[in-house]
């Protein structure tokens, strides 16, 4: 679930950022989108794992964070490159 939400967040980030976007604004936008989608994934995971033991619930916040970050970055780069490779010339 977090991997899919990371993929969606990466695609949205790739569409939002343009070559004319300032670097600090781009980083802030990417971080904001990532945090929003990670909070969504956390709340969905809490709803799914209602009856799990307390020791397993502690892992809920960190489980799947690396696929989320990797797919966010990968798809953001792919979408950005695909959209703007000819426009920046």
PDB file of N, CA and C in Angstrom:
ATOM      1  N   UNK A   1       0.818  -1.178   0.000  1.00  0.00           N
ATOM      2  CA  UNK A   1       0.000   0.000   0.000  1.00  0.00           C
ATOM      3  C   UNK A   1       0.875   1.260   0.000  1.00  0.00           C
ATOM      4  N   UNK A   2       1.921   1.269   0.822  1.00  0.00           N
ATOM      5  CA  UNK A   2       2.797   2.444   0.840  1.00  0.00           C
ATOM      6  C   UNK A   2       3.562   2.592  -0.461  1.00  0.00           C
ATOM      7  N   UNK A   3       3.908   1.493  -1.068  1.00  0.00           N
ATOM      8  CA  UNK A   3       4.614   1.566  -2.347  1.00  0.00           C
ATOM      9  C   UNK A   3       3.720   2.196  -3.411  1.00  0.00           C
ATOM     10  N   UNK A   4       2.462   1.809  -3.443  1.00  0.00           N
ATOM     11  CA  UNK A   4       1.527   2.370  -4.426  1.00  0.00           C
ATOM     12  C   UNK A   4       1.296   3.851  -4.156  1.00  0.00           C
ATOM     13  N   UNK A   5       1.163   4.234  -2.900  1.00  0.00           N
ATOM     14  CA  UNK A   5       0.990   5.651  -2.587  1.00  0.00           C
ATOM     15  C   UNK A   5       2.257   6.451  -2.887  1.00  0.00           C
ATOM     16  N   UNK A   6       3.422   5.847  -2.730  1.00  0.00           N
ATOM     17  CA  UNK A   6       4.665   6.508  -3.127  1.00  0.00           C
ATOM     18  C   UNK A   6       4.721   6.729  -4.626  1.00  0.00           C
ATOM     19  N   UNK A   7       4.249   5.749  -5.370  1.00  0.00           N
ATOM     20  CA  UNK A   7       4.181   5.862  -6.827  1.00  0.00           C
ATOM     21  C   UNK A   7       3.250   6.999  -7.232  1.00  0.00           C
ATOM     22  N   UNK A   8       2.080   7.057  -6.625  1.00  0.00           N
ATOM     23  CA  UNK A   8       1.115   8.122  -6.942  1.00  0.00           C
ATOM     24  C   UNK A   8       1.679   9.492  -6.557  1.00  0.00           C
ATOM     25  N   UNK A   9       2.312   9.583  -5.404  1.00  0.00           N
ATOM     26  CA  UNK A   9       2.907  10.858  -4.972  1.00  0.00           C
ATOM     27  C   UNK A   9       4.025  11.290  -5.918  1.00  0.00           C
ATOM     28  N   UNK A  10       4.802  10.342  -6.422  1.00  0.00           N
ATOM     29  CA  UNK A  10       5.864  10.666  -7.368  1.00  0.00           C
ATOM     30  C   UNK A  10       5.317  11.181  -8.686  1.00  0.00           C
ATOM     31  N   UNK A  11       4.258  10.575  -9.157  1.00  0.00           N
ATOM     32  CA  UNK A  11       3.637  11.036 -10.409  1.00  0.00           C
ATOM     33  C   UNK A  11       3.072  12.443 -10.240  1.00  0.00           C
ATOM     34  N   UNK A  12       2.395  12.690  -9.131  1.00  0.00           N
ATOM     35  CA  UNK A  12       1.846  14.025  -8.884  1.00  0.00           C
ATOM     36  C   UNK A  12       2.975  15.056  -8.763  1.00  0.00           C
ATOM     37  N   UNK A  13       4.040  14.702  -8.071  1.00  0.00           N
ATOM     38  CA  UNK A  13       5.181  15.626  -7.936  1.00  0.00           C
ATOM     39  C   UNK A  13       5.818  15.921  -9.282  1.00  0.00           C
ATOM     40  N   UNK A  14       5.917  14.912 -10.134  1.00  0.00           N
ATOM     41  CA  UNK A  14       6.492  15.115 -11.457  1.00  0.00           C
ATOM     42  C   UNK A  14       5.680  16.054 -12.318  1.00  0.00           C
ATOM     43  N   UNK A  15       4.356  16.021 -12.161  1.00  0.00           N
ATOM     44  CA  UNK A  15       3.502  16.929 -12.921  1.00  0.00           C
ATOM     45  C   UNK A  15       3.520  18.348 -12.368  1.00  0.00           C
ATOM     46  N   UNK A  16       3.654  18.499 -11.068  1.00  0.00           N
ATOM     47  CA  UNK A  16       3.582  19.826 -10.454  1.00  0.00           C
ATOM     48  C   UNK A  16       4.849  20.646 -10.701  1.00  0.00           C
ATOM     49  N   UNK A  17       6.005  20.006 -10.650  1.00  0.00           N
ATOM     50  CA  UNK A  17       7.278  20.719 -10.782  1.00  0.00           C
ATOM     51  C   UNK A  17       7.556  21.003 -12.267  1.00  0.00           C
ATOM     52  N   UNK A  18       7.931  22.231 -12.571  1.00  0.00           N
ATOM     53  CA  UNK A  18       8.278  22.617 -13.941  1.00  0.00           C
ATOM     54  C   UNK A  18       9.724  23.107 -13.965  1.00  0.00           C
ATOM     55  N   UNK A  19      10.321  23.233 -15.153  1.00  0.00           N
ATOM     56  CA  UNK A  19      11.696  23.745 -15.218  1.00  0.00           C
ATOM     57  C   UNK A  19      11.843  25.169 -14.676  1.00  0.00           C
ATOM     58  N   UNK A  20      10.770  25.931 -14.668  1.00  0.00           N
ATOM     59  CA  UNK A  20      10.829  27.313 -14.182  1.00  0.00           C
ATOM     60  C   UNK A  20      10.646  27.409 -12.667  1.00  0.00           C
ATOM     61  N   UNK A  21      10.353  26.293 -12.014  1.00  0.00           N
ATOM     62  CA  UNK A  21      10.149  26.291 -10.573  1.00  0.00           C
ATOM     63  C   UNK A  21      11.476  26.502  -9.851  1.00  0.00           C
ATOM     64  N   UNK A  22      11.473  27.377  -8.851  1.00  0.00           N
ATOM     65  CA  UNK A  22      12.662  27.631  -8.043  1.00  0.00           C
ATOM     66  C   UNK A  22      13.027  26.360  -7.277  1.00  0.00           C
ATOM     67  N   UNK A  23      14.312  26.141  -7.043  1.00  0.00           N
ATOM     68  CA  UNK A  23      14.769  24.901  -6.414  1.00  0.00           C
ATOM     69  C   UNK A  23      14.212  24.739  -5.000  1.00  0.00           C
ATOM     70  N   UNK A  24      14.202  25.786  -4.210  1.00  0.00           N
ATOM     71  CA  UNK A  24      13.688  25.670  -2.845  1.00  0.00           C
ATOM     72  C   UNK A  24      12.185  25.416  -2.840  1.00  0.00           C
ATOM     73  N   UNK A  25      11.472  26.017  -3.787  1.00  0.00           N
ATOM     74  CA  UNK A  25      10.039  25.777  -3.906  1.00  0.00           C
ATOM     75  C   UNK A  25       9.763  24.341  -4.332  1.00  0.00           C
ATOM     76  N   UNK A  26      10.573  23.820  -5.232  1.00  0.00           N
ATOM     77  CA  UNK A  26      10.399  22.445  -5.702  1.00  0.00           C
ATOM     78  C   UNK A  26      10.623  21.447  -4.575  1.00  0.00           C
ATOM     79  N   UNK A  27      11.665  21.651  -3.795  1.00  0.00           N
ATOM     80  CA  UNK A  27      11.956  20.745  -2.683  1.00  0.00           C
ATOM     81  C   UNK A  27      10.836  20.807  -1.645  1.00  0.00           C
ATOM     82  N   UNK A  28      10.368  21.999  -1.347  1.00  0.00           N
ATOM     83  CA  UNK A  28       9.269  22.155  -0.393  1.00  0.00           C
ATOM     84  C   UNK A  28       7.996  21.487  -0.867  1.00  0.00           C
ATOM     85  N   UNK A  29       7.704  21.624  -2.158  1.00  0.00           N
ATOM     86  CA  UNK A  29       6.514  21.000  -2.724  1.00  0.00           C
ATOM     87  C   UNK A  29       6.611  19.479  -2.667  1.00  0.00           C
ATOM     88  N   UNK A  30       7.756  18.951  -3.015  1.00  0.00           N
ATOM     89  CA  UNK A  30       7.958  17.498  -2.982  1.00  0.00           C
ATOM     90  C   UNK A  30       7.817  16.980  -1.549  1.00  0.00           C
ATOM     91  N   UNK A  31       8.429  17.664  -0.595  1.00  0.00           N
ATOM     92  CA  UNK A  31       8.320  17.231   0.796  1.00  0.00           C
ATOM     93  C   UNK A  31       6.887  17.313   1.314  1.00  0.00           C
ATOM     94  N   UNK A  32       6.168  18.354   0.952  1.00  0.00           N
ATOM     95  CA  UNK A  32       4.782  18.491   1.376  1.00  0.00           C
ATOM     96  C   UNK A  32       3.918  17.364   0.811  1.00  0.00           C
ATOM     97  N   UNK A  33       4.078  17.066  -0.464  1.00  0.00           N
ATOM     98  CA  UNK A  33       3.319  15.985  -1.083  1.00  0.00           C
ATOM     99  C   UNK A  33       3.680  14.643  -0.446  1.00  0.00           C
ATOM    100  N   UNK A  34       4.966  14.431  -0.190  1.00  0.00           N
ATOM    101  CA  UNK A  34       5.407  13.179   0.427  1.00  0.00           C
ATOM    102  C   UNK A  34       4.825  13.023   1.829  1.00  0.00           C
ATOM    103  N   UNK A  35       4.841  14.082   2.617  1.00  0.00           N
ATOM    104  CA  UNK A  35       4.303  14.005   3.978  1.00  0.00           C
ATOM    105  C   UNK A  35       2.806  13.755   3.965  1.00  0.00           C
ATOM    106  N   UNK A  36       2.091  14.429   3.077  1.00  0.00           N
ATOM    107  CA  UNK A  36       0.640  14.232   2.985  1.00  0.00           C
ATOM    108  C   UNK A  36       0.315  12.787   2.628  1.00  0.00           C
ATOM    109  N   UNK A  37       0.991  12.244   1.620  1.00  0.00           N
ATOM    110  CA  UNK A  37       0.704  10.871   1.209  1.00  0.00           C
ATOM    111  C   UNK A  37       1.163   9.864   2.256  1.00  0.00           C
ATOM    112  N   UNK A  38       2.228  10.166   2.993  1.00  0.00           N
ATOM    113  CA  UNK A  38       2.663   9.245   4.044  1.00  0.00           C
ATOM    114  C   UNK A  38       1.678   9.237   5.203  1.00  0.00           C
ATOM    115  N   UNK A  39       1.118  10.388   5.536  1.00  0.00           N
ATOM    116  CA  UNK A  39       0.093  10.447   6.583  1.00  0.00           C
ATOM    117  C   UNK A  39      -1.147   9.683   6.150  1.00  0.00           C
ATOM    118  N   UNK A  40      -1.513   9.802   4.882  1.00  0.00           N
ATOM    119  CA  UNK A  40      -2.647   9.030   4.359  1.00  0.00           C
ATOM    120  C   UNK A  40      -2.370   7.541   4.493  1.00  0.00           C
ATOM    121  N   UNK A  41      -1.161   7.111   4.137  1.00  0.00           N
ATOM    122  CA  UNK A  41      -0.838   5.688   4.235  1.00  0.00           C
ATOM    123  C   UNK A  41      -0.823   5.225   5.688  1.00  0.00           C
ATOM    124  N   UNK A  42      -0.387   6.073   6.593  1.00  0.00           N
ATOM    125  CA  UNK A  42      -0.360   5.714   8.012  1.00  0.00           C
ATOM    126  C   UNK A  42      -1.770   5.536   8.566  1.00  0.00           C
ATOM    127  N   UNK A  43      -2.665   6.452   8.220  1.00  0.00           N
ATOM    128  CA  UNK A  43      -4.038   6.332   8.716  1.00  0.00           C
ATOM    129  C   UNK A  43      -4.740   5.111   8.118  1.00  0.00           C
ATOM    130  N   UNK A  44      -4.472   4.829   6.847  1.00  0.00           N
ATOM    131  CA  UNK A  44      -5.049   3.629   6.247  1.00  0.00           C
ATOM    132  C   UNK A  44      -4.503   2.362   6.905  1.00  0.00           C
ATOM    133  N   UNK A  45      -3.223   2.355   7.204  1.00  0.00           N
ATOM    134  CA  UNK A  45      -2.623   1.191   7.857  1.00  0.00           C
ATOM    135  C   UNK A  45      -3.182   1.000   9.260  1.00  0.00           C
ATOM    136  N   UNK A  46      -3.434   2.083   9.982  1.00  0.00           N
ATOM    137  CA  UNK A  46      -4.026   1.964  11.313  1.00  0.00           C
ATOM    138  C   UNK A  46      -5.432   1.395  11.242  1.00  0.00           C
ATOM    139  N   UNK A  47      -6.184   1.782  10.235  1.00  0.00           N
ATOM    140  CA  UNK A  47      -7.549   1.251  10.091  1.00  0.00           C
ATOM    141  C   UNK A  47      -7.546  -0.222   9.709  1.00  0.00           C
ATOM    142  N   UNK A  48      -6.582  -0.616   8.893  1.00  0.00           N
ATOM    143  CA  UNK A  48      -6.499  -2.013   8.476  1.00  0.00           C
ATOM    144  C   UNK A  48      -6.061  -2.894   9.644  1.00  0.00           C
ATOM    145  N   UNK A  49      -5.136  -2.418  10.452  1.00  0.00           N
ATOM    146  CA  UNK A  49      -4.545  -3.218  11.528  1.00  0.00           C
ATOM    147  C   UNK A  49      -5.184  -2.916  12.879  1.00  0.00           C
ATOM    148  N   UNK A  50      -6.484  -2.985  12.974  1.00  0.00           N
ATOM    149  CA  UNK A  50      -7.171  -2.690  14.230  1.00  0.00           C
ATOM    150  C   UNK A  50      -6.907  -3.751  15.286  1.00  0.00           C
ATOM    151  N   UNK A  51      -6.924  -5.018  14.921  1.00  0.00           N
ATOM    152  CA  UNK A  51      -6.846  -6.106  15.892  1.00  0.00           C
ATOM    153  C   UNK A  51      -5.455  -6.703  16.044  1.00  0.00           C
ATOM    154  N   UNK A  52      -4.426  -5.992  15.670  1.00  0.00           N
ATOM    155  CA  UNK A  52      -3.066  -6.516  15.796  1.00  0.00           C
ATOM    156  C   UNK A  52      -2.519  -6.232  17.199  1.00  0.00           C
ATOM    157  N   UNK A  53      -1.567  -7.046  17.642  1.00  0.00           N
ATOM    158  CA  UNK A  53      -0.973  -6.803  18.970  1.00  0.00           C
ATOM    159  C   UNK A  53      -0.225  -5.469  19.029  1.00  0.00           C
ATOM    160  N   UNK A  54      -0.020  -4.989  20.246  1.00  0.00           N
ATOM    161  CA  UNK A  54       0.598  -3.679  20.447  1.00  0.00           C
ATOM    162  C   UNK A  54       2.033  -3.622  19.921  1.00  0.00           C
ATOM    163  N   UNK A  55       2.762  -4.728  19.983  1.00  0.00           N
ATOM    164  CA  UNK A  55       4.141  -4.738  19.488  1.00  0.00           C
ATOM    165  C   UNK A  55       4.188  -4.582  17.977  1.00  0.00           C
ATOM    166  N   UNK A  56       3.208  -5.104  17.291  1.00  0.00           N
ATOM    167  CA  UNK A  56       3.147  -4.968  15.834  1.00  0.00           C
ATOM    168  C   UNK A  56       2.701  -3.570  15.414  1.00  0.00           C
ATOM    169  N   UNK A  57       1.885  -2.930  16.224  1.00  0.00           N
ATOM    170  CA  UNK A  57       1.425  -1.580  15.888  1.00  0.00           C
ATOM    171  C   UNK A  57       2.568  -0.563  15.921  1.00  0.00           C
ATOM    172  N   UNK A  58       3.589  -0.820  16.717  1.00  0.00           N
ATOM    173  CA  UNK A  58       4.729   0.090  16.772  1.00  0.00           C
ATOM    174  C   UNK A  58       5.508   0.097  15.460  1.00  0.00           C
ATOM    175  N   UNK A  59       5.518  -1.022  14.767  1.00  0.00           N
ATOM    176  CA  UNK A  59       6.216  -1.118  13.484  1.00  0.00           C
ATOM    177  C   UNK A  59       5.434  -0.463  12.353  1.00  0.00           C
ATOM    178  N   UNK A  60       4.198  -0.111  12.611  1.00  0.00           N
ATOM    179  CA  UNK A  60       3.311   0.416  11.586  1.00  0.00           C
ATOM    180  C   UNK A  60       3.814   1.714  10.960  1.00  0.00           C
ATOM    181  N   UNK A  61       4.448   2.557  11.752  1.00  0.00           N
ATOM    182  CA  UNK A  61       4.904   3.859  11.246  1.00  0.00           C
ATOM    183  C   UNK A  61       6.102   3.728  10.315  1.00  0.00           C
ATOM    184  N   UNK A  62       6.987   2.753  10.565  1.00  0.00           N
ATOM    185  CA  UNK A  62       8.215   2.663   9.775  1.00  0.00           C
ATOM    186  C   UNK A  62       8.193   1.558   8.728  1.00  0.00           C
ATOM    187  N   UNK A  63       7.250   0.668   8.799  1.00  0.00           N
ATOM    188  CA  UNK A  63       7.190  -0.437   7.848  1.00  0.00           C
ATOM    189  C   UNK A  63       6.831   0.077   6.451  1.00  0.00           C
ATOM    190  N   UNK A  64       7.701  -0.127   5.492  1.00  0.00           N
ATOM    191  CA  UNK A  64       7.432   0.269   4.110  1.00  0.00           C
ATOM    192  C   UNK A  64       7.884   1.671   3.749  1.00  0.00           C
ATOM    193  N   UNK A  65       8.693   2.301   4.587  1.00  0.00           N
ATOM    194  CA  UNK A  65       9.104   3.679   4.290  1.00  0.00           C
ATOM    195  C   UNK A  65      10.108   3.742   3.140  1.00  0.00           C
ATOM    196  N   UNK A  66      10.985   2.748   3.034  1.00  0.00           N
ATOM    197  CA  UNK A  66      11.993   2.778   1.966  1.00  0.00           C
ATOM    198  C   UNK A  66      11.386   2.571   0.574  1.00  0.00           C
ATOM    199  N   UNK A  67      10.457   1.629   0.379  1.00  0.00           N
ATOM    200  CA  UNK A  67       9.800   1.567  -0.937  1.00  0.00           C
ATOM    201  C   UNK A  67       9.024   2.843  -1.263  1.00  0.00           C
ATOM    202  N   UNK A  68       8.414   3.452  -0.241  1.00  0.00           N
ATOM    203  CA  UNK A  68       7.685   4.697  -0.449  1.00  0.00           C
ATOM    204  C   UNK A  68       8.614   5.787  -0.974  1.00  0.00           C
ATOM    205  N   UNK A  69       9.739   5.993  -0.312  1.00  0.00           N
ATOM    206  CA  UNK A  69      10.679   7.037  -0.715  1.00  0.00           C
ATOM    207  C   UNK A  69      11.290   6.733  -2.082  1.00  0.00           C
ATOM    208  N   UNK A  70      11.681   5.480  -2.306  1.00  0.00           N
ATOM    209  CA  UNK A  70      12.304   5.106  -3.576  1.00  0.00           C
ATOM    210  C   UNK A  70      11.346   5.314  -4.743  1.00  0.00           C
ATOM    211  N   UNK A  71      10.112   4.846  -4.613  1.00  0.00           N
ATOM    212  CA  UNK A  71       9.161   4.995  -5.716  1.00  0.00           C
ATOM    213  C   UNK A  71       8.749   6.445  -5.912  1.00  0.00           C
ATOM    214  N   UNK A  72       8.648   7.207  -4.842  1.00  0.00           N
ATOM    215  CA  UNK A  72       8.355   8.631  -4.968  1.00  0.00           C
ATOM    216  C   UNK A  72       9.420   9.321  -5.808  1.00  0.00           C
ATOM    217  N   UNK A  73      10.678   9.104  -5.465  1.00  0.00           N
ATOM    218  CA  UNK A  73      11.774   9.751  -6.192  1.00  0.00           C
ATOM    219  C   UNK A  73      11.875   9.245  -7.625  1.00  0.00           C
ATOM    220  N   UNK A  74      11.770   7.929  -7.804  1.00  0.00           N
ATOM    221  CA  UNK A  74      11.930   7.357  -9.141  1.00  0.00           C
ATOM    222  C   UNK A  74      10.847   7.856 -10.100  1.00  0.00           C
ATOM    223  N   UNK A  75       9.591   7.813  -9.683  1.00  0.00           N
ATOM    224  CA  UNK A  75       8.524   8.223 -10.592  1.00  0.00           C
ATOM    225  C   UNK A  75       8.467   9.734 -10.761  1.00  0.00           C
ATOM    226  N   UNK A  76       8.888  10.493  -9.763  1.00  0.00           N
ATOM    227  CA  UNK A  76       8.962  11.932  -9.940  1.00  0.00           C
ATOM    228  C   UNK A  76       9.990  12.270 -11.020  1.00  0.00           C
ATOM    229  N   UNK A  77      11.143  11.625 -10.982  1.00  0.00           N
ATOM    230  CA  UNK A  77      12.193  11.868 -11.972  1.00  0.00           C
ATOM    231  C   UNK A  77      11.755  11.420 -13.357  1.00  0.00           C
ATOM    232  N   UNK A  78      11.129  10.253 -13.448  1.00  0.00           N
ATOM    233  CA  UNK A  78      10.684   9.737 -14.749  1.00  0.00           C
ATOM    234  C   UNK A  78       9.627  10.634 -15.366  1.00  0.00           C
ATOM    235  N   UNK A  79       8.637  11.039 -14.578  1.00  0.00           N
ATOM    236  CA  UNK A  79       7.566  11.899 -15.110  1.00  0.00           C
ATOM    237  C   UNK A  79       8.116  13.269 -15.483  1.00  0.00           C
ATOM    238  N   UNK A  80       8.944  13.852 -14.625  1.00  0.00           N
ATOM    239  CA  UNK A  80       9.527  15.162 -14.908  1.00  0.00           C
ATOM    240  C   UNK A  80      10.362  15.118 -16.190  1.00  0.00           C
ATOM    241  N   UNK A  81      11.183  14.090 -16.326  1.00  0.00           N
ATOM    242  CA  UNK A  81      12.024  13.964 -17.519  1.00  0.00           C
ATOM    243  C   UNK A  81      11.173  13.746 -18.760  1.00  0.00           C
ATOM    244  N   UNK A  82      10.161  12.906 -18.648  1.00  0.00           N
ATOM    245  CA  UNK A  82       9.286  12.646 -19.792  1.00  0.00           C
ATOM    246  C   UNK A  82       8.516  13.871 -20.243  1.00  0.00           C
ATOM    247  N   UNK A  83       8.110  14.696 -19.308  1.00  0.00           N
ATOM    248  CA  UNK A  83       7.339  15.895 -19.659  1.00  0.00           C
ATOM    249  C   UNK A  83       8.199  17.034 -20.191  1.00  0.00           C
ATOM    250  N   UNK A  84       9.362  17.236 -19.612  1.00  0.00           N
ATOM    251  CA  UNK A  84      10.103  18.458 -19.870  1.00  0.00           C
ATOM    252  C   UNK A  84      11.409  18.274 -20.618  1.00  0.00           C
ATOM    253  N   UNK A  85      11.702  17.097 -21.147  1.00  0.00           N
ATOM    254  CA  UNK A  85      12.989  16.890 -21.804  1.00  0.00           C
ATOM    255  C   UNK A  85      13.142  17.725 -23.080  1.00  0.00           C
ATOM    256  N   UNK A  86      12.074  17.963 -23.791  1.00  0.00           N
ATOM    257  CA  UNK A  86      12.163  18.752 -25.024  1.00  0.00           C
ATOM    258  C   UNK A  86      11.866  20.221 -24.797  1.00  0.00           C
ATOM    259  N   UNK A  87      11.181  20.546 -23.715  1.00  0.00           N
ATOM    260  CA  UNK A  87      10.801  21.929 -23.448  1.00  0.00           C
ATOM    261  C   UNK A  87      11.978  22.761 -22.938  1.00  0.00           C
ATOM    262  N   UNK A  88      12.918  22.145 -22.260  1.00  0.00           N
ATOM    263  CA  UNK A  88      14.016  22.891 -21.640  1.00  0.00           C
ATOM    264  C   UNK A  88      15.098  23.307 -22.641  1.00  0.00           C
ATOM    265  N   UNK A  89      15.054  22.817 -23.835  1.00  0.00           N
ATOM    266  CA  UNK A  89      16.100  23.138 -24.821  1.00  0.00           C
ATOM    267  C   UNK A  89      15.990  24.509 -25.356  1.00  0.00           C
TER     268      UNK A  89
END
